[in-house]
PDB file of N, CA and C in Angstrom:
ATOM      1  N   MET A   1     -91.592 -78.978  35.880  1.00  0.00           N
ATOM      2  CA  MET A   1     -92.407 -78.653  36.905  1.00  0.00           C
ATOM      3  C   MET A   1     -92.862 -79.983  37.759  1.00  0.00           C
ATOM      4  N   ALA A   2     -93.074 -79.780  39.025  1.00  0.00           N
ATOM      5  CA  ALA A   2     -93.279 -81.022  39.753  1.00  0.00           C
ATOM      6  C   ALA A   2     -94.673 -81.632  39.436  1.00  0.00           C
ATOM      7  N   TRP A   3     -95.684 -80.886  38.802  1.00  0.00           N
ATOM      8  CA  TRP A   3     -96.966 -81.434  38.541  1.00  0.00           C
ATOM      9  C   TRP A   3     -97.069 -82.608  37.536  1.00  0.00           C
ATOM     10  N   ASP A   4     -95.788 -82.789  36.779  1.00  0.00           N
ATOM     11  CA  ASP A   4     -95.734 -83.771  35.830  1.00  0.00           C
ATOM     12  C   ASP A   4     -95.494 -84.961  36.367  1.00  0.00           C
ATOM     13  N   HIS A   5     -95.027 -85.168  37.636  1.00  0.00           N
ATOM     14  CA  HIS A   5     -94.660 -86.335  38.368  1.00  0.00           C
ATOM     15  C   HIS A   5     -95.672 -86.725  39.347  1.00  0.00           C
ATOM     16  N   THR A   6     -96.894 -86.142  39.400  1.00  0.00           N
ATOM     17  CA  THR A   6     -97.927 -86.573  40.313  1.00  0.00           C
ATOM     18  C   THR A   6     -98.677 -87.828  39.733  1.00  0.00           C
ATOM     19  N   THR A   7     -98.980 -88.581  40.703  1.00  0.00           N
ATOM     20  CA  THR A   7     -99.668 -89.768  40.333  1.00  0.00           C
ATOM     21  C   THR A   7    -101.107 -89.708  41.055  1.00  0.00           C
ATOM     22  N   ALA A   8    -101.864 -90.727  40.701  1.00  0.00           N
ATOM     23  CA  ALA A   8    -103.296 -90.767  41.363  1.00  0.00           C
ATOM     24  C   ALA A   8    -103.243 -90.760  42.813  1.00  0.00           C
ATOM     25  N   SER A   9    -102.253 -91.437  43.348  1.00  0.00           N
ATOM     26  CA  SER A   9    -102.293 -91.512  44.825  1.00  0.00           C
ATOM     27  C   SER A   9    -101.894 -90.245  45.418  1.00  0.00           C
ATOM     28  N   ASP A  10    -101.077 -89.341  44.777  1.00  0.00           N
ATOM     29  CA  ASP A  10    -100.748 -87.965  45.127  1.00  0.00           C
ATOM     30  C   ASP A  10    -102.026 -87.091  45.316  1.00  0.00           C
ATOM     31  N   GLY A  11    -102.814 -87.412  44.205  1.00  0.00           N
ATOM     32  CA  GLY A  11    -104.024 -86.622  44.191  1.00  0.00           C
ATOM     33  C   GLY A  11    -104.987 -86.941  45.033  1.00  0.00           C
ATOM     34  N   PHE A  12    -105.023 -88.163  45.333  1.00  0.00           N
ATOM     35  CA  PHE A  12    -105.899 -88.794  46.505  1.00  0.00           C
ATOM     36  C   PHE A  12    -105.538 -88.157  47.833  1.00  0.00           C
ATOM     37  N   ALA A  13    -104.218 -88.033  48.138  1.00  0.00           N
ATOM     38  CA  ALA A  13    -103.701 -87.581  49.374  1.00  0.00           C
ATOM     39  C   ALA A  13    -103.951 -86.032  49.492  1.00  0.00           C
ATOM     40  N   ILE A  14    -103.903 -85.507  48.372  1.00  0.00           N
ATOM     41  CA  ILE A  14    -103.974 -83.934  48.352  1.00  0.00           C
ATOM     42  C   ILE A  14    -105.476 -83.693  48.625  1.00  0.00           C
ATOM     43  N   ALA A  15    -106.306 -84.417  48.081  1.00  0.00           N
ATOM     44  CA  ALA A  15    -107.832 -84.379  48.242  1.00  0.00           C
ATOM     45  C   ALA A  15    -108.274 -84.610  49.666  1.00  0.00           C
ATOM     46  N   MET A  16    -107.623 -85.668  50.245  1.00  0.00           N
ATOM     47  CA  MET A  16    -107.791 -85.923  51.652  1.00  0.00           C
ATOM     48  C   MET A  16    -107.551 -84.872  52.554  1.00  0.00           C
ATOM     49  N   LEU A  17    -106.438 -84.229  52.190  1.00  0.00           N
ATOM     50  CA  LEU A  17    -105.855 -83.115  53.049  1.00  0.00           C
ATOM     51  C   LEU A  17    -106.874 -81.942  52.906  1.00  0.00           C
ATOM     52  N   ALA A  18    -107.335 -81.729  51.681  1.00  0.00           N
ATOM     53  CA  ALA A  18    -108.352 -80.718  51.551  1.00  0.00           C
ATOM     54  C   ALA A  18    -109.654 -80.973  52.198  1.00  0.00           C
ATOM     55  N   VAL A  19    -110.138 -82.155  52.285  1.00  0.00           N
ATOM     56  CA  VAL A  19    -111.309 -82.519  53.062  1.00  0.00           C
ATOM     57  C   VAL A  19    -111.167 -82.419  54.461  1.00  0.00           C
ATOM     58  N   ILE A  20    -109.976 -82.791  55.016  1.00  0.00           N
ATOM     59  CA  ILE A  20    -109.796 -82.659  56.484  1.00  0.00           C
ATOM     60  C   ILE A  20    -109.733 -81.131  56.736  1.00  0.00           C
ATOM     61  N   ALA A  21    -109.034 -80.315  55.957  1.00  0.00           N
ATOM     62  CA  ALA A  21    -108.962 -78.822  56.217  1.00  0.00           C
ATOM     63  C   ALA A  21    -110.368 -78.267  56.232  1.00  0.00           C
ATOM     64  N   ALA A  22    -111.236 -78.706  55.255  1.00  0.00           N
ATOM     65  CA  ALA A  22    -112.412 -78.195  55.277  1.00  0.00           C
ATOM     66  C   ALA A  22    -113.319 -78.551  56.356  1.00  0.00           C
ATOM     67  N   SER A  23    -113.138 -79.826  56.845  1.00  0.00           N
ATOM     68  CA  SER A  23    -114.028 -80.361  58.130  1.00  0.00           C
ATOM     69  C   SER A  23    -113.563 -79.461  59.279  1.00  0.00           C
ATOM     70  N   PHE A  24    -112.188 -79.226  59.507  1.00  0.00           N
ATOM     71  CA  PHE A  24    -111.765 -78.373  60.590  1.00  0.00           C
ATOM     72  C   PHE A  24    -112.295 -77.002  60.432  1.00  0.00           C
ATOM     73  N   GLY A  25    -112.394 -76.499  59.258  1.00  0.00           N
ATOM     74  CA  GLY A  25    -112.918 -75.202  58.991  1.00  0.00           C
ATOM     75  C   GLY A  25    -114.460 -75.037  59.525  1.00  0.00           C
ATOM     76  N   VAL A  26    -115.061 -76.200  59.231  1.00  0.00           N
ATOM     77  CA  VAL A  26    -116.480 -76.228  59.378  1.00  0.00           C
ATOM     78  C   VAL A  26    -116.789 -76.360  60.943  1.00  0.00           C
ATOM     79  N   LEU A  27    -115.938 -77.029  61.627  1.00  0.00           N
ATOM     80  CA  LEU A  27    -116.063 -77.222  63.118  1.00  0.00           C
ATOM     81  C   LEU A  27    -115.569 -75.857  63.632  1.00  0.00           C
ATOM     82  N   LEU A  28    -114.798 -75.156  63.166  1.00  0.00           N
ATOM     83  CA  LEU A  28    -114.272 -73.897  63.628  1.00  0.00           C
ATOM     84  C   LEU A  28    -115.475 -72.870  63.663  1.00  0.00           C
ATOM     85  N   LEU A  29    -116.056 -72.898  62.425  1.00  0.00           N
ATOM     86  CA  LEU A  29    -117.201 -71.879  62.208  1.00  0.00           C
ATOM     87  C   LEU A  29    -118.429 -72.391  63.170  1.00  0.00           C
ATOM     88  N   LEU A  30    -118.681 -73.608  63.446  1.00  0.00           N
ATOM     89  CA  LEU A  30    -119.628 -73.950  64.420  1.00  0.00           C
ATOM     90  C   LEU A  30    -119.451 -73.487  65.716  1.00  0.00           C
ATOM     91  N   PHE A  31    -117.993 -73.629  66.189  1.00  0.00           N
ATOM     92  CA  PHE A  31    -117.770 -73.100  67.616  1.00  0.00           C
ATOM     93  C   PHE A  31    -117.798 -71.589  67.777  1.00  0.00           C
ATOM     94  N   LEU A  32    -117.447 -70.981  66.706  1.00  0.00           N
ATOM     95  CA  LEU A  32    -117.525 -69.532  66.698  1.00  0.00           C
ATOM     96  C   LEU A  32    -119.026 -69.133  66.611  1.00  0.00           C
ATOM     97  N   ALA A  33    -119.891 -69.812  65.953  1.00  0.00           N
ATOM     98  CA  ALA A  33    -121.320 -69.341  66.078  1.00  0.00           C
ATOM     99  C   ALA A  33    -121.945 -69.584  67.322  1.00  0.00           C
ATOM    100  N   MET A  34    -121.586 -70.724  67.985  1.00  0.00           N
ATOM    101  CA  MET A  34    -122.056 -71.022  69.236  1.00  0.00           C
ATOM    102  C   MET A  34    -121.520 -69.985  70.371  1.00  0.00           C
ATOM    103  N   ARG A  35    -120.378 -69.602  70.086  1.00  0.00           N
ATOM    104  CA  ARG A  35    -119.700 -68.663  71.160  1.00  0.00           C
ATOM    105  C   ARG A  35    -120.434 -67.355  70.839  1.00  0.00           C
ATOM    106  N   ARG A  36    -120.850 -67.090  69.693  1.00  0.00           N
ATOM    107  CA  ARG A  36    -121.467 -65.705  69.478  1.00  0.00           C
ATOM    108  C   ARG A  36    -122.859 -65.737  69.932  1.00  0.00           C
ATOM    109  N   GLN A  37    -123.630 -66.906  69.774  1.00  0.00           N
ATOM    110  CA  GLN A  37    -124.876 -66.972  70.351  1.00  0.00           C
ATOM    111  C   GLN A  37    -124.850 -67.056  71.880  1.00  0.00           C
ATOM    112  N   ALA A  38    -123.923 -67.565  72.406  1.00  0.00           N
ATOM    113  CA  ALA A  38    -123.982 -67.486  74.020  1.00  0.00           C
ATOM    114  C   ALA A  38    -123.712 -66.150  74.487  1.00  0.00           C
ATOM    115  N   ARG A  39    -122.956 -65.304  73.778  1.00  0.00           N
ATOM    116  CA  ARG A  39    -122.892 -63.989  74.218  1.00  0.00           C
ATOM    117  C   ARG A  39    -124.318 -63.139  74.084  1.00  0.00           C
ATOM    118  N   ARG A  40    -125.130 -63.585  73.112  1.00  0.00           N
ATOM    119  CA  ARG A  40    -126.360 -62.906  72.963  1.00  0.00           C
ATOM    120  C   ARG A  40    -127.503 -63.618  73.820  1.00  0.00           C
ATOM    121  N   ARG A  41    -127.210 -64.292  74.883  1.00  0.00           N
ATOM    122  CA  ARG A  41    -128.163 -65.128  75.428  1.00  0.00           C
ATOM    123  C   ARG A  41    -129.163 -64.098  76.125  1.00  0.00           C
ATOM    124  N   ASP A  42    -130.547 -64.480  76.010  1.00  0.00           N
ATOM    125  CA  ASP A  42    -131.526 -63.684  76.637  1.00  0.00           C
ATOM    126  C   ASP A  42    -131.550 -63.645  78.112  1.00  0.00           C
ATOM    127  N   ARG A  43    -131.664 -62.459  78.684  1.00  0.00           N
ATOM    128  CA  ARG A  43    -131.638 -62.406  80.059  1.00  0.00           C
ATOM    129  C   ARG A  43    -132.731 -62.809  80.750  1.00  0.00           C
ATOM    130  N   GLN A  44    -133.937 -62.919  80.164  1.00  0.00           N
ATOM    131  CA  GLN A  44    -135.105 -63.328  80.684  1.00  0.00           C
ATOM    132  C   GLN A  44    -135.137 -64.836  81.077  1.00  0.00           C
ATOM    133  N   VAL A  45    -134.309 -65.632  80.144  1.00  0.00           N
ATOM    134  CA  VAL A  45    -134.065 -67.007  80.471  1.00  0.00           C
ATOM    135  C   VAL A  45    -133.385 -67.222  81.886  1.00  0.00           C
ATOM    136  N   ASP A  46    -132.404 -66.390  81.976  1.00  0.00           N
ATOM    137  CA  ASP A  46    -131.572 -66.460  83.189  1.00  0.00           C
ATOM    138  C   ASP A  46    -132.457 -66.070  84.332  1.00  0.00           C
ATOM    139  N   ASP A  47    -133.187 -65.060  84.272  1.00  0.00           N
ATOM    140  CA  ASP A  47    -134.266 -64.747  85.341  1.00  0.00           C
ATOM    141  C   ASP A  47    -135.142 -65.878  85.555  1.00  0.00           C
ATOM    142  N   LEU A  48    -135.741 -66.501  84.658  1.00  0.00           N
ATOM    143  CA  LEU A  48    -136.639 -67.642  84.817  1.00  0.00           C
ATOM    144  C   LEU A  48    -135.877 -68.893  85.571  1.00  0.00           C
ATOM    145  N   LEU A  49    -134.692 -69.170  85.122  1.00  0.00           N
ATOM    146  CA  LEU A  49    -133.895 -70.115  85.679  1.00  0.00           C
ATOM    147  C   LEU A  49    -133.623 -69.919  87.130  1.00  0.00           C
ATOM    148  N   GLN A  50    -133.440 -68.598  87.500  1.00  0.00           N
ATOM    149  CA  GLN A  50    -133.173 -68.183  88.914  1.00  0.00           C
ATOM    150  C   GLN A  50    -134.629 -68.415  89.730  1.00  0.00           C
ATOM    151  N   GLU A  51    -135.653 -68.068  89.162  1.00  0.00           N
ATOM    152  CA  GLU A  51    -136.969 -68.021  89.815  1.00  0.00           C
ATOM    153  C   GLU A  51    -137.327 -69.567  89.993  1.00  0.00           C
ATOM    154  N   LEU A  52    -136.901 -70.511  89.123  1.00  0.00           N
ATOM    155  CA  LEU A  52    -137.137 -71.829  89.149  1.00  0.00           C
ATOM    156  C   LEU A  52    -136.384 -72.556  90.426  1.00  0.00           C
ATOM    157  N   GLU A  53    -135.059 -72.095  90.422  1.00  0.00           N
ATOM    158  CA  GLU A  53    -134.151 -72.634  91.347  1.00  0.00           C
ATOM    159  C   GLU A  53    -134.689 -72.064  92.763  1.00  0.00           C
ATOM    160  N   GLN A  54    -135.143 -70.940  92.936  1.00  0.00           N
ATOM    161  CA  GLN A  54    -135.588 -70.353  94.147  1.00  0.00           C
ATOM    162  C   GLN A  54    -136.850 -71.088  94.589  1.00  0.00           C
ATOM    163  N   SER A  55    -137.824 -71.333  93.669  1.00  0.00           N
ATOM    164  CA  SER A  55    -139.002 -72.083  94.094  1.00  0.00           C
ATOM    165  C   SER A  55    -138.708 -73.524  94.504  1.00  0.00           C
ATOM    166  N   GLU A  56    -137.822 -74.110  93.724  1.00  0.00           N
ATOM    167  CA  GLU A  56    -137.304 -75.501  94.289  1.00  0.00           C
ATOM    168  C   GLU A  56    -136.692 -75.463  95.680  1.00  0.00           C
ATOM    169  N   LYS A  57    -135.917 -74.544  96.030  1.00  0.00           N
ATOM    170  CA  LYS A  57    -135.361 -74.425  97.211  1.00  0.00           C
ATOM    171  C   LYS A  57    -136.396 -74.161  98.243  1.00  0.00           C
ATOM    172  N   GLU A  58    -137.421 -73.364  98.099  1.00  0.00           N
ATOM    173  CA  GLU A  58    -138.384 -73.122  99.077  1.00  0.00           C
ATOM    174  C   GLU A  58    -139.317 -74.394  99.269  1.00  0.00           C
ATOM    175  N   ALA A  59    -139.484 -75.180  98.092  1.00  0.00           N
ATOM    176  CA  ALA A  59    -140.356 -76.304  98.268  1.00  0.00           C
ATOM    177  C   ALA A  59    -139.491 -77.376  99.052  1.00  0.00           C
ATOM    178  N   GLU A  60    -138.178 -77.484  98.807  1.00  0.00           N
ATOM    179  CA  GLU A  60    -137.452 -78.304  99.614  1.00  0.00           C
ATOM    180  C   GLU A  60    -137.473 -77.797 101.173  1.00  0.00           C
ATOM    181  N   ALA A  61    -137.401 -76.633 101.450  1.00  0.00           N
ATOM    182  CA  ALA A  61    -137.360 -76.110 102.764  1.00  0.00           C
ATOM    183  C   ALA A  61    -138.697 -76.407 103.378  1.00  0.00           C
ATOM    184  N   ALA A  62    -139.832 -76.281 102.605  1.00  0.00           N
ATOM    185  CA  ALA A  62    -141.120 -76.411 103.161  1.00  0.00           C
ATOM    186  C   ALA A  62    -141.260 -77.979 103.310  1.00  0.00           C
ATOM    187  N   LYS A  63    -140.672 -78.750 102.622  1.00  0.00           N
ATOM    188  CA  LYS A  63    -140.742 -80.282 102.838  1.00  0.00           C
ATOM    189  C   LYS A  63    -140.058 -80.685 104.162  1.00  0.00           C
ATOM    190  N   ARG A  64    -139.006 -79.973 104.314  1.00  0.00           N
ATOM    191  CA  ARG A  64    -138.170 -80.376 105.594  1.00  0.00           C
ATOM    192  C   ARG A  64    -138.790 -79.933 106.922  1.00  0.00           C
ATOM    193  N   GLU A  65    -139.526 -78.817 106.768  1.00  0.00           N
ATOM    194  CA  GLU A  65    -140.239 -78.300 108.094  1.00  0.00           C
ATOM    195  C   GLU A  65    -141.290 -79.126 108.504  1.00  0.00           C
ATOM    196  N   THR A  66    -142.094 -79.674 107.594  1.00  0.00           N
ATOM    197  CA  THR A  66    -143.267 -80.362 107.851  1.00  0.00           C
ATOM    198  C   THR A  66    -142.892 -81.914 108.265  1.00  0.00           C
ATOM    199  N   PRO A  67    -143.243 -82.430 109.423  1.00  0.00           N
ATOM    200  CA  PRO A  67    -142.826 -83.857 109.693  1.00  0.00           C
ATOM    201  C   PRO A  67    -143.771 -84.752 108.852  1.00  0.00           C
ATOM    202  N   PRO A  68    -143.194 -85.821 108.431  1.00  0.00           N
ATOM    203  CA  PRO A  68    -144.077 -86.740 107.593  1.00  0.00           C
ATOM    204  C   PRO A  68    -145.202 -87.392 108.598  1.00  0.00           C
ATOM    205  N   SER A  69    -146.371 -87.452 107.996  1.00  0.00           N
ATOM    206  CA  SER A  69    -147.485 -87.988 108.683  1.00  0.00           C
ATOM    207  C   SER A  69    -147.383 -89.376 108.656  1.00  0.00           C
ATOM    208  N   PRO A  70    -147.692 -90.183 109.685  1.00  0.00           N
ATOM    209  CA  PRO A  70    -147.739 -91.605 109.673  1.00  0.00           C
ATOM    210  C   PRO A  70    -148.747 -92.214 108.733  1.00  0.00           C
ATOM    211  N   PRO A  71    -148.719 -93.308 108.226  1.00  0.00           N
ATOM    212  CA  PRO A  71    -149.742 -93.917 107.313  1.00  0.00           C
ATOM    213  C   PRO A  71    -150.888 -94.215 108.265  1.00  0.00           C
ATOM    214  N   PRO A  72    -152.176 -94.099 107.668  1.00  0.00           N
ATOM    215  CA  PRO A  72    -153.438 -94.233 108.334  1.00  0.00           C
ATOM    216  C   PRO A  72    -153.493 -95.508 109.223  1.00  0.00           C
ATOM    217  N   TRP A  73    -152.879 -96.721 108.926  1.00  0.00           N
ATOM    218  CA  TRP A  73    -153.092 -98.019 109.675  1.00  0.00           C
ATOM    219  C   TRP A  73    -152.271 -97.984 110.821  1.00  0.00           C
ATOM    220  N   GLU A  74    -151.323 -97.039 111.061  1.00  0.00           N
ATOM    221  CA  GLU A  74    -150.482 -97.013 112.398  1.00  0.00           C
ATOM    222  C   GLU A  74    -151.137 -96.426 113.591  1.00  0.00           C
ATOM    223  N   LYS A  75    -150.959 -97.066 114.627  1.00  0.00           N
ATOM    224  CA  LYS A  75    -151.387 -96.292 115.848  1.00  0.00           C
ATOM    225  C   LYS A  75    -150.614 -95.202 116.337  1.00  0.00           C
ATOM    226  N   PRO A  76    -151.045 -94.328 116.991  1.00  0.00           N
ATOM    227  CA  PRO A  76    -150.181 -93.236 117.562  1.00  0.00           C
ATOM    228  C   PRO A  76    -149.350 -93.924 118.599  1.00  0.00           C
ATOM    229  N   PRO A  77    -148.106 -93.217 118.755  1.00  0.00           N
ATOM    230  CA  PRO A  77    -147.071 -93.902 119.544  1.00  0.00           C
ATOM    231  C   PRO A  77    -147.530 -94.024 121.074  1.00  0.00           C
ATOM    232  N   ASP A  78    -148.545 -93.086 121.599  1.00  0.00           N
ATOM    233  CA  ASP A  78    -149.019 -93.220 122.878  1.00  0.00           C
ATOM    234  C   ASP A  78    -150.399 -93.604 123.055  1.00  0.00           C
ATOM    235  N   TRP A  79    -150.660 -94.749 122.209  1.00  0.00           N
ATOM    236  CA  TRP A  79    -152.035 -95.215 122.148  1.00  0.00           C
ATOM    237  C   TRP A  79    -152.557 -95.911 123.427  1.00  0.00           C
ATOM    238  N   TRP A  80    -151.510 -96.438 124.280  1.00  0.00           N
ATOM    239  CA  TRP A  80    -151.838 -97.134 125.526  1.00  0.00           C
ATOM    240  C   TRP A  80    -152.153 -96.152 126.560  1.00  0.00           C
ATOM    241  N   LYS A  81    -151.747 -94.796 126.452  1.00  0.00           N
ATOM    242  CA  LYS A  81    -152.166 -93.885 127.416  1.00  0.00           C
ATOM    243  C   LYS A  81    -153.629 -93.294 127.334  1.00  0.00           C
ATOM    244  N   ASP A  82    -154.218 -93.587 126.288  1.00  0.00           N
ATOM    245  CA  ASP A  82    -155.622 -93.110 126.007  1.00  0.00           C
ATOM    246  C   ASP A  82    -156.627 -93.860 126.789  1.00  0.00           C
ATOM    247  N   ARG A  83    -156.216 -95.078 127.229  1.00  0.00           N
ATOM    248  CA  ARG A  83    -157.210 -95.934 127.880  1.00  0.00           C
ATOM    249  C   ARG A  83    -157.779 -95.350 129.218  1.00  0.00           C
ATOM    250  N   LYS A  84    -159.100 -95.557 129.473  1.00  0.00           N
ATOM    251  CA  LYS A  84    -159.490 -95.049 130.603  1.00  0.00           C
ATOM    252  C   LYS A  84    -160.420 -95.957 131.228  1.00  0.00           C
TER     253      LYS A  84
END
């Protein structure tokens, strides 16, 4: 039988192959678990995300509509016309 001719280095190589196979198996299980959880995603979270996105868009639009007010130390552009 071939097992009679195995050495310690052969055993080490076989053990390393087993460790590598086990680590790939763990990674595969992690990816499958993540995929399964992604399918069961809560719809309320999606609704909240849409609501937040909508409110950010509304705030951005409101910011664009109002002109920026000048700092209090600046004179109005037509200050010279107010002289009487």
